Amino acid sequence: MALGEAIEKLKKYYKRFELGKTDKIKPRHVQKVLDKLSAKETSLLEEIEAAKKPSKKRRLEEKLKTTRKQADRARWLLDEISE
C-alpha cells in the first residue's frame, strides 16, 4: 500500500467516524494502515540518511512529516473506535 493509498483509506475511515458509522470501521483495518505508515516512516528515515542532495532531503523530510501526522491521526481514530 502506497503512502497515498494509506492516507485515502484513513480519510474514508474518518468520514465514516464523522457520520457516526463507527461500527463499519474495524480496528484491525486501522491498525493495518498504522502499520503501513510506521513502515513508511522507517523507510523514509533510511532514505533521508542516504540522501546526498539537500533538495531531496527536504522533500523526504516533508513526506516524513506527513507520514507522522497521518500516523497520529490513525492512532487517535484507533483509540476512539476501540473504546
PDB file of N, CA and C in Angstrom:
ATOM      1  N   MET A   1       0.852  -1.166   0.000  1.00  0.00           N
ATOM      2  CA  MET A   1       0.000   0.000   0.000  1.00  0.00           C
ATOM      3  C   MET A   1       0.900   1.232   0.000  1.00  0.00           C
ATOM      4  N   ALA A   2       0.713   2.091  -0.969  1.00  0.00           N
ATOM      5  CA  ALA A   2       1.499   3.311  -1.072  1.00  0.00           C
ATOM      6  C   ALA A   2       1.026   4.317  -0.020  1.00  0.00           C
ATOM      7  N   LEU A   3       1.835   5.315   0.223  1.00  0.00           N
ATOM      8  CA  LEU A   3       1.503   6.333   1.223  1.00  0.00           C
ATOM      9  C   LEU A   3       0.171   6.990   0.892  1.00  0.00           C
ATOM     10  N   GLY A   4      -0.025   7.328  -0.375  1.00  0.00           N
ATOM     11  CA  GLY A   4      -1.280   7.963  -0.790  1.00  0.00           C
ATOM     12  C   GLY A   4      -2.484   7.075  -0.539  1.00  0.00           C
ATOM     13  N   GLU A   5      -2.335   5.790  -0.785  1.00  0.00           N
ATOM     14  CA  GLU A   5      -3.437   4.852  -0.550  1.00  0.00           C
ATOM     15  C   GLU A   5      -3.767   4.761   0.935  1.00  0.00           C
ATOM     16  N   ALA A   6      -2.749   4.728   1.764  1.00  0.00           N
ATOM     17  CA  ALA A   6      -2.962   4.655   3.212  1.00  0.00           C
ATOM     18  C   ALA A   6      -3.692   5.903   3.696  1.00  0.00           C
ATOM     19  N   ILE A   7      -3.312   7.056   3.182  1.00  0.00           N
ATOM     20  CA  ILE A   7      -3.949   8.315   3.574  1.00  0.00           C
ATOM     21  C   ILE A   7      -5.400   8.334   3.104  1.00  0.00           C
ATOM     22  N   GLU A   8      -5.655   7.847   1.899  1.00  0.00           N
ATOM     23  CA  GLU A   8      -7.028   7.796   1.380  1.00  0.00           C
ATOM     24  C   GLU A   8      -7.908   6.883   2.237  1.00  0.00           C
ATOM     25  N   LYS A   9      -7.381   5.733   2.627  1.00  0.00           N
ATOM     26  CA  LYS A   9      -8.148   4.822   3.488  1.00  0.00           C
ATOM     27  C   LYS A   9      -8.457   5.499   4.816  1.00  0.00           C
ATOM     28  N   LEU A  10      -7.471   6.181   5.359  1.00  0.00           N
ATOM     29  CA  LEU A  10      -7.660   6.870   6.628  1.00  0.00           C
ATOM     30  C   LEU A  10      -8.732   7.957   6.486  1.00  0.00           C
ATOM     31  N   LYS A  11      -8.727   8.668   5.366  1.00  0.00           N
ATOM     32  CA  LYS A  11      -9.758   9.686   5.118  1.00  0.00           C
ATOM     33  C   LYS A  11     -11.146   9.058   5.100  1.00  0.00           C
ATOM     34  N   LYS A  12     -11.247   7.884   4.463  1.00  0.00           N
ATOM     35  CA  LYS A  12     -12.530   7.174   4.404  1.00  0.00           C
ATOM     36  C   LYS A  12     -13.000   6.803   5.805  1.00  0.00           C
ATOM     37  N   TYR A  13     -12.072   6.308   6.613  1.00  0.00           N
ATOM     38  CA  TYR A  13     -12.419   5.927   7.979  1.00  0.00           C
ATOM     39  C   TYR A  13     -12.857   7.141   8.793  1.00  0.00           C
ATOM     40  N   TYR A  14     -12.193   8.281   8.613  1.00  0.00           N
ATOM     41  CA  TYR A  14     -12.571   9.498   9.320  1.00  0.00           C
ATOM     42  C   TYR A  14     -13.958   9.955   8.905  1.00  0.00           C
ATOM     43  N   LYS A  15     -14.270   9.852   7.613  1.00  0.00           N
ATOM     44  CA  LYS A  15     -15.589  10.256   7.132  1.00  0.00           C
ATOM     45  C   LYS A  15     -16.665   9.386   7.782  1.00  0.00           C
ATOM     46  N   ARG A  16     -16.425   8.073   7.836  1.00  0.00           N
ATOM     47  CA  ARG A  16     -17.376   7.173   8.496  1.00  0.00           C
ATOM     48  C   ARG A  16     -17.530   7.545   9.964  1.00  0.00           C
ATOM     49  N   PHE A  17     -16.401   7.869  10.608  1.00  0.00           N
ATOM     50  CA  PHE A  17     -16.428   8.246  12.021  1.00  0.00           C
ATOM     51  C   PHE A  17     -17.281   9.492  12.219  1.00  0.00           C
ATOM     52  N   GLU A  18     -17.084  10.489  11.355  1.00  0.00           N
ATOM     53  CA  GLU A  18     -17.846  11.739  11.448  1.00  0.00           C
ATOM     54  C   GLU A  18     -19.335  11.515  11.225  1.00  0.00           C
ATOM     55  N   LEU A  19     -19.675  10.543  10.390  1.00  0.00           N
ATOM     56  CA  LEU A  19     -21.078  10.242  10.110  1.00  0.00           C
ATOM     57  C   LEU A  19     -21.700   9.322  11.162  1.00  0.00           C
ATOM     58  N   GLY A  20     -20.919   8.925  12.152  1.00  0.00           N
ATOM     59  CA  GLY A  20     -21.415   8.077  13.220  1.00  0.00           C
ATOM     60  C   GLY A  20     -21.485   6.603  12.846  1.00  0.00           C
ATOM     61  N   LYS A  21     -20.805   6.230  11.786  1.00  0.00           N
ATOM     62  CA  LYS A  21     -20.821   4.834  11.340  1.00  0.00           C
ATOM     63  C   LYS A  21     -19.577   4.091  11.835  1.00  0.00           C
ATOM     64  N   THR A  22     -19.330   4.205  13.125  1.00  0.00           N
ATOM     65  CA  THR A  22     -18.119   3.588  13.687  1.00  0.00           C
ATOM     66  C   THR A  22     -18.181   2.068  13.662  1.00  0.00           C
ATOM     67  N   ASP A  23     -19.391   1.502  13.602  1.00  0.00           N
ATOM     68  CA  ASP A  23     -19.497   0.050  13.559  1.00  0.00           C
ATOM     69  C   ASP A  23     -18.947  -0.522  12.247  1.00  0.00           C
ATOM     70  N   LYS A  24     -18.828   0.317  11.223  1.00  0.00           N
ATOM     71  CA  LYS A  24     -18.295  -0.127   9.935  1.00  0.00           C
ATOM     72  C   LYS A  24     -16.771  -0.039   9.867  1.00  0.00           C
ATOM     73  N   ILE A  25     -16.152   0.543  10.900  1.00  0.00           N
ATOM     74  CA  ILE A  25     -14.694   0.676  10.938  1.00  0.00           C
ATOM     75  C   ILE A  25     -14.140  -0.420  11.834  1.00  0.00           C
ATOM     76  N   LYS A  26     -13.381  -1.289  11.264  1.00  0.00           N
ATOM     77  CA  LYS A  26     -12.793  -2.373  12.047  1.00  0.00           C
ATOM     78  C   LYS A  26     -11.414  -1.932  12.568  1.00  0.00           C
ATOM     79  N   PRO A  27     -11.184  -2.083  13.872  1.00  0.00           N
ATOM     80  CA  PRO A  27      -9.890  -1.678  14.435  1.00  0.00           C
ATOM     81  C   PRO A  27      -8.699  -2.313  13.720  1.00  0.00           C
ATOM     82  N   ARG A  28      -8.848  -3.552  13.267  1.00  0.00           N
ATOM     83  CA  ARG A  28      -7.717  -4.208  12.602  1.00  0.00           C
ATOM     84  C   ARG A  28      -7.383  -3.532  11.273  1.00  0.00           C
ATOM     85  N   HIS A  29      -8.379  -2.917  10.626  1.00  0.00           N
ATOM     86  CA  HIS A  29      -8.121  -2.210   9.369  1.00  0.00           C
ATOM     87  C   HIS A  29      -7.334  -0.923   9.639  1.00  0.00           C
ATOM     88  N   VAL A  30      -7.726  -0.224  10.696  1.00  0.00           N
ATOM     89  CA  VAL A  30      -6.997   0.994  11.062  1.00  0.00           C
ATOM     90  C   VAL A  30      -5.580   0.622  11.496  1.00  0.00           C
ATOM     91  N   GLN A  31      -5.441  -0.483  12.220  1.00  0.00           N
ATOM     92  CA  GLN A  31      -4.121  -0.937  12.652  1.00  0.00           C
ATOM     93  C   GLN A  31      -3.250  -1.286  11.452  1.00  0.00           C
ATOM     94  N   LYS A  32      -3.845  -1.866  10.434  1.00  0.00           N
ATOM     95  CA  LYS A  32      -3.094  -2.199   9.219  1.00  0.00           C
ATOM     96  C   LYS A  32      -2.555  -0.929   8.550  1.00  0.00           C
ATOM     97  N   VAL A  33      -3.385   0.106   8.485  1.00  0.00           N
ATOM     98  CA  VAL A  33      -2.941   1.390   7.928  1.00  0.00           C
ATOM     99  C   VAL A  33      -1.822   1.958   8.790  1.00  0.00           C
ATOM    100  N   LEU A  34      -1.979   1.882  10.095  1.00  0.00           N
ATOM    101  CA  LEU A  34      -0.959   2.382  11.013  1.00  0.00           C
ATOM    102  C   LEU A  34       0.356   1.627  10.841  1.00  0.00           C
ATOM    103  N   ASP A  35       0.283   0.322  10.652  1.00  0.00           N
ATOM    104  CA  ASP A  35       1.490  -0.474  10.416  1.00  0.00           C
ATOM    105  C   ASP A  35       2.181  -0.047   9.123  1.00  0.00           C
ATOM    106  N   LYS A  36       1.392   0.207   8.090  1.00  0.00           N
ATOM    107  CA  LYS A  36       1.963   0.653   6.807  1.00  0.00           C
ATOM    108  C   LYS A  36       2.629   2.019   6.963  1.00  0.00           C
ATOM    109  N   LEU A  37       1.997   2.905   7.719  1.00  0.00           N
ATOM    110  CA  LEU A  37       2.583   4.230   7.947  1.00  0.00           C
ATOM    111  C   LEU A  37       3.879   4.125   8.750  1.00  0.00           C
ATOM    112  N   SER A  38       3.913   3.237   9.713  1.00  0.00           N
ATOM    113  CA  SER A  38       5.134   3.031  10.511  1.00  0.00           C
ATOM    114  C   SER A  38       6.268   2.489   9.648  1.00  0.00           C
ATOM    115  N   ALA A  39       5.929   1.555   8.769  1.00  0.00           N
ATOM    116  CA  ALA A  39       6.938   1.006   7.858  1.00  0.00           C
ATOM    117  C   ALA A  39       7.453   2.089   6.914  1.00  0.00           C
ATOM    118  N   LYS A  40       6.550   2.940   6.454  1.00  0.00           N
ATOM    119  CA  LYS A  40       6.946   4.033   5.552  1.00  0.00           C
ATOM    120  C   LYS A  40       7.847   5.020   6.290  1.00  0.00           C
ATOM    121  N   GLU A  41       7.548   5.281   7.555  1.00  0.00           N
ATOM    122  CA  GLU A  41       8.378   6.187   8.348  1.00  0.00           C
ATOM    123  C   GLU A  41       9.804   5.650   8.454  1.00  0.00           C
ATOM    124  N   THR A  42       9.929   4.369   8.735  1.00  0.00           N
ATOM    125  CA  THR A  42      11.247   3.741   8.822  1.00  0.00           C
ATOM    126  C   THR A  42      11.992   3.841   7.499  1.00  0.00           C
ATOM    127  N   SER A  43      11.289   3.566   6.428  1.00  0.00           N
ATOM    128  CA  SER A  43      11.872   3.643   5.090  1.00  0.00           C
ATOM    129  C   SER A  43      12.344   5.059   4.769  1.00  0.00           C
ATOM    130  N   LEU A  44      11.515   6.043   5.108  1.00  0.00           N
ATOM    131  CA  LEU A  44      11.882   7.440   4.840  1.00  0.00           C
ATOM    132  C   LEU A  44      13.094   7.871   5.658  1.00  0.00           C
ATOM    133  N   LEU A  45      13.169   7.428   6.898  1.00  0.00           N
ATOM    134  CA  LEU A  45      14.328   7.775   7.725  1.00  0.00           C
ATOM    135  C   LEU A  45      15.617   7.242   7.108  1.00  0.00           C
ATOM    136  N   GLU A  46      15.544   6.030   6.573  1.00  0.00           N
ATOM    137  CA  GLU A  46      16.713   5.448   5.912  1.00  0.00           C
ATOM    138  C   GLU A  46      17.072   6.230   4.650  1.00  0.00           C
ATOM    139  N   GLU A  47      16.048   6.611   3.879  1.00  0.00           N
ATOM    140  CA  GLU A  47      16.289   7.372   2.652  1.00  0.00           C
ATOM    141  C   GLU A  47      16.881   8.749   2.951  1.00  0.00           C
ATOM    142  N   ILE A  48      16.399   9.384   4.012  1.00  0.00           N
ATOM    143  CA  ILE A  48      16.909  10.705   4.395  1.00  0.00           C
ATOM    144  C   ILE A  48      18.389  10.604   4.747  1.00  0.00           C
ATOM    145  N   GLU A  49      18.724   9.573   5.494  1.00  0.00           N
ATOM    146  CA  GLU A  49      20.115   9.381   5.895  1.00  0.00           C
ATOM    147  C   GLU A  49      21.022   9.170   4.680  1.00  0.00           C
ATOM    148  N   ALA A  50      20.506   8.481   3.672  1.00  0.00           N
ATOM    149  CA  ALA A  50      21.310   8.175   2.481  1.00  0.00           C
ATOM    150  C   ALA A  50      21.298   9.305   1.453  1.00  0.00           C
ATOM    151  N   ALA A  51      20.373  10.248   1.593  1.00  0.00           N
ATOM    152  CA  ALA A  51      20.238  11.323   0.601  1.00  0.00           C
ATOM    153  C   ALA A  51      21.460  12.238   0.604  1.00  0.00           C
ATOM    154  N   LYS A  52      21.913  12.560  -0.589  1.00  0.00           N
ATOM    155  CA  LYS A  52      23.074  13.448  -0.744  1.00  0.00           C
ATOM    156  C   LYS A  52      22.634  14.888  -1.042  1.00  0.00           C
ATOM    157  N   LYS A  53      21.646  15.041  -1.917  1.00  0.00           N
ATOM    158  CA  LYS A  53      21.179  16.363  -2.316  1.00  0.00           C
ATOM    159  C   LYS A  53      20.293  16.981  -1.232  1.00  0.00           C
ATOM    160  N   PRO A  54      20.543  18.232  -0.898  1.00  0.00           N
ATOM    161  CA  PRO A  54      19.696  18.911   0.097  1.00  0.00           C
ATOM    162  C   PRO A  54      18.228  18.990  -0.341  1.00  0.00           C
ATOM    163  N   SER A  55      17.992  19.150  -1.639  1.00  0.00           N
ATOM    164  CA  SER A  55      16.611  19.252  -2.113  1.00  0.00           C
ATOM    165  C   SER A  55      15.871  17.931  -1.918  1.00  0.00           C
ATOM    166  N   LYS A  56      16.538  16.833  -2.173  1.00  0.00           N
ATOM    167  CA  LYS A  56      15.915  15.524  -1.977  1.00  0.00           C
ATOM    168  C   LYS A  56      15.670  15.280  -0.498  1.00  0.00           C
ATOM    169  N   LYS A  57      16.623  15.687   0.322  1.00  0.00           N
ATOM    170  CA  LYS A  57      16.496  15.514   1.767  1.00  0.00           C
ATOM    171  C   LYS A  57      15.278  16.293   2.294  1.00  0.00           C
ATOM    172  N   ARG A  58      15.113  17.533   1.808  1.00  0.00           N
ATOM    173  CA  ARG A  58      13.966  18.344   2.230  1.00  0.00           C
ATOM    174  C   ARG A  58      12.653  17.700   1.803  1.00  0.00           C
ATOM    175  N   ARG A  59      12.609  17.188   0.575  1.00  0.00           N
ATOM    176  CA  ARG A  59      11.394  16.552   0.067  1.00  0.00           C
ATOM    177  C   ARG A  59      11.039  15.329   0.908  1.00  0.00           C
ATOM    178  N   LEU A  60      12.041  14.532   1.229  1.00  0.00           N
ATOM    179  CA  LEU A  60      11.809  13.345   2.043  1.00  0.00           C
ATOM    180  C   LEU A  60      11.385  13.714   3.472  1.00  0.00           C
ATOM    181  N   GLU A  61      11.946  14.799   4.000  1.00  0.00           N
ATOM    182  CA  GLU A  61      11.567  15.246   5.339  1.00  0.00           C
ATOM    183  C   GLU A  61      10.113  15.706   5.378  1.00  0.00           C
ATOM    184  N   GLU A  62       9.643  16.314   4.282  1.00  0.00           N
ATOM    185  CA  GLU A  62       8.237  16.704   4.194  1.00  0.00           C
ATOM    186  C   GLU A  62       7.340  15.472   4.160  1.00  0.00           C
ATOM    187  N   LYS A  63       7.758  14.462   3.411  1.00  0.00           N
ATOM    188  CA  LYS A  63       6.999  13.210   3.372  1.00  0.00           C
ATOM    189  C   LYS A  63       6.962  12.576   4.760  1.00  0.00           C
ATOM    190  N   LEU A  64       8.079  12.640   5.456  1.00  0.00           N
ATOM    191  CA  LEU A  64       8.162  12.078   6.801  1.00  0.00           C
ATOM    192  C   LEU A  64       7.206  12.812   7.744  1.00  0.00           C
ATOM    193  N   LYS A  65       7.170  14.122   7.629  1.00  0.00           N
ATOM    194  CA  LYS A  65       6.272  14.916   8.466  1.00  0.00           C
ATOM    195  C   LYS A  65       4.807  14.530   8.196  1.00  0.00           C
ATOM    196  N   THR A  66       4.468  14.375   6.928  1.00  0.00           N
ATOM    197  CA  THR A  66       3.109  13.969   6.553  1.00  0.00           C
ATOM    198  C   THR A  66       2.799  12.579   7.091  1.00  0.00           C
ATOM    199  N   THR A  67       3.738  11.672   6.957  1.00  0.00           N
ATOM    200  CA  THR A  67       3.550  10.304   7.427  1.00  0.00           C
ATOM    201  C   THR A  67       3.319  10.279   8.932  1.00  0.00           C
ATOM    202  N   ARG A  68       4.092  11.036   9.669  1.00  0.00           N
ATOM    203  CA  ARG A  68       3.931  11.077  11.128  1.00  0.00           C
ATOM    204  C   ARG A  68       2.591  11.674  11.525  1.00  0.00           C
ATOM    205  N   LYS A  69       2.176  12.712  10.813  1.00  0.00           N
ATOM    206  CA  LYS A  69       0.884  13.339  11.100  1.00  0.00           C
ATOM    207  C   LYS A  69      -0.249  12.340  10.863  1.00  0.00           C
ATOM    208  N   GLN A  70      -0.178  11.614   9.763  1.00  0.00           N
ATOM    209  CA  GLN A  70      -1.210  10.624   9.463  1.00  0.00           C
ATOM    210  C   GLN A  70      -1.195   9.475  10.472  1.00  0.00           C
ATOM    211  N   ALA A  71      -0.035   9.089  10.921  1.00  0.00           N
ATOM    212  CA  ALA A  71       0.072   8.038  11.939  1.00  0.00           C
ATOM    213  C   ALA A  71      -0.578   8.502  13.243  1.00  0.00           C
ATOM    214  N   ASP A  72      -0.377   9.750  13.601  1.00  0.00           N
ATOM    215  CA  ASP A  72      -1.021  10.305  14.796  1.00  0.00           C
ATOM    216  C   ASP A  72      -2.539  10.259  14.656  1.00  0.00           C
ATOM    217  N   ARG A  73      -3.024  10.623  13.464  1.00  0.00           N
ATOM    218  CA  ARG A  73      -4.468  10.588  13.196  1.00  0.00           C
ATOM    219  C   ARG A  73      -4.994   9.158  13.304  1.00  0.00           C
ATOM    220  N   ALA A  74      -4.241   8.208  12.780  1.00  0.00           N
ATOM    221  CA  ALA A  74      -4.661   6.803  12.826  1.00  0.00           C
ATOM    222  C   ALA A  74      -4.705   6.305  14.273  1.00  0.00           C
ATOM    223  N   ARG A  75      -3.714   6.684  15.080  1.00  0.00           N
ATOM    224  CA  ARG A  75      -3.692   6.270  16.494  1.00  0.00           C
ATOM    225  C   ARG A  75      -4.903   6.843  17.235  1.00  0.00           C
ATOM    226  N   TRP A  76      -5.202   8.112  16.961  1.00  0.00           N
ATOM    227  CA  TRP A  76      -6.344   8.751  17.606  1.00  0.00           C
ATOM    228  C   TRP A  76      -7.633   8.019  17.231  1.00  0.00           C
ATOM    229  N   LEU A  77      -7.810   7.749  15.944  1.00  0.00           N
ATOM    230  CA  LEU A  77      -9.006   7.065  15.483  1.00  0.00           C
ATOM    231  C   LEU A  77      -9.109   5.668  16.099  1.00  0.00           C
ATOM    232  N   LEU A  78      -7.997   4.970  16.146  1.00  0.00           N
ATOM    233  CA  LEU A  78      -7.983   3.641  16.738  1.00  0.00           C
ATOM    234  C   LEU A  78      -8.407   3.693  18.208  1.00  0.00           C
ATOM    235  N   ASP A  79      -7.919   4.685  18.940  1.00  0.00           N
ATOM    236  CA  ASP A  79      -8.310   4.847  20.340  1.00  0.00           C
ATOM    237  C   ASP A  79      -9.812   5.117  20.461  1.00  0.00           C
ATOM    238  N   GLU A  80     -10.332   5.947  19.566  1.00  0.00           N
ATOM    239  CA  GLU A  80     -11.748   6.312  19.618  1.00  0.00           C
ATOM    240  C   GLU A  80     -12.663   5.130  19.305  1.00  0.00           C
ATOM    241  N   ILE A  81     -12.320   4.323  18.336  1.00  0.00           N
ATOM    242  CA  ILE A  81     -13.214   3.226  17.964  1.00  0.00           C
ATOM    243  C   ILE A  81     -13.020   1.996  18.837  1.00  0.00           C
ATOM    244  N   SER A  82     -11.920   1.948  19.573  1.00  0.00           N
ATOM    245  CA  SER A  82     -11.650   0.798  20.434  1.00  0.00           C
ATOM    246  C   SER A  82     -12.296   0.924  21.811  1.00  0.00           C
ATOM    247  N   GLU A  83     -12.801   2.101  22.120  1.00  0.00           N
ATOM    248  CA  GLU A  83     -13.392   2.322  23.464  1.00  0.00           C
ATOM    249  C   GLU A  83     -14.713   1.633  23.619  1.00  0.00           C
TER     250      GLU A  83
END
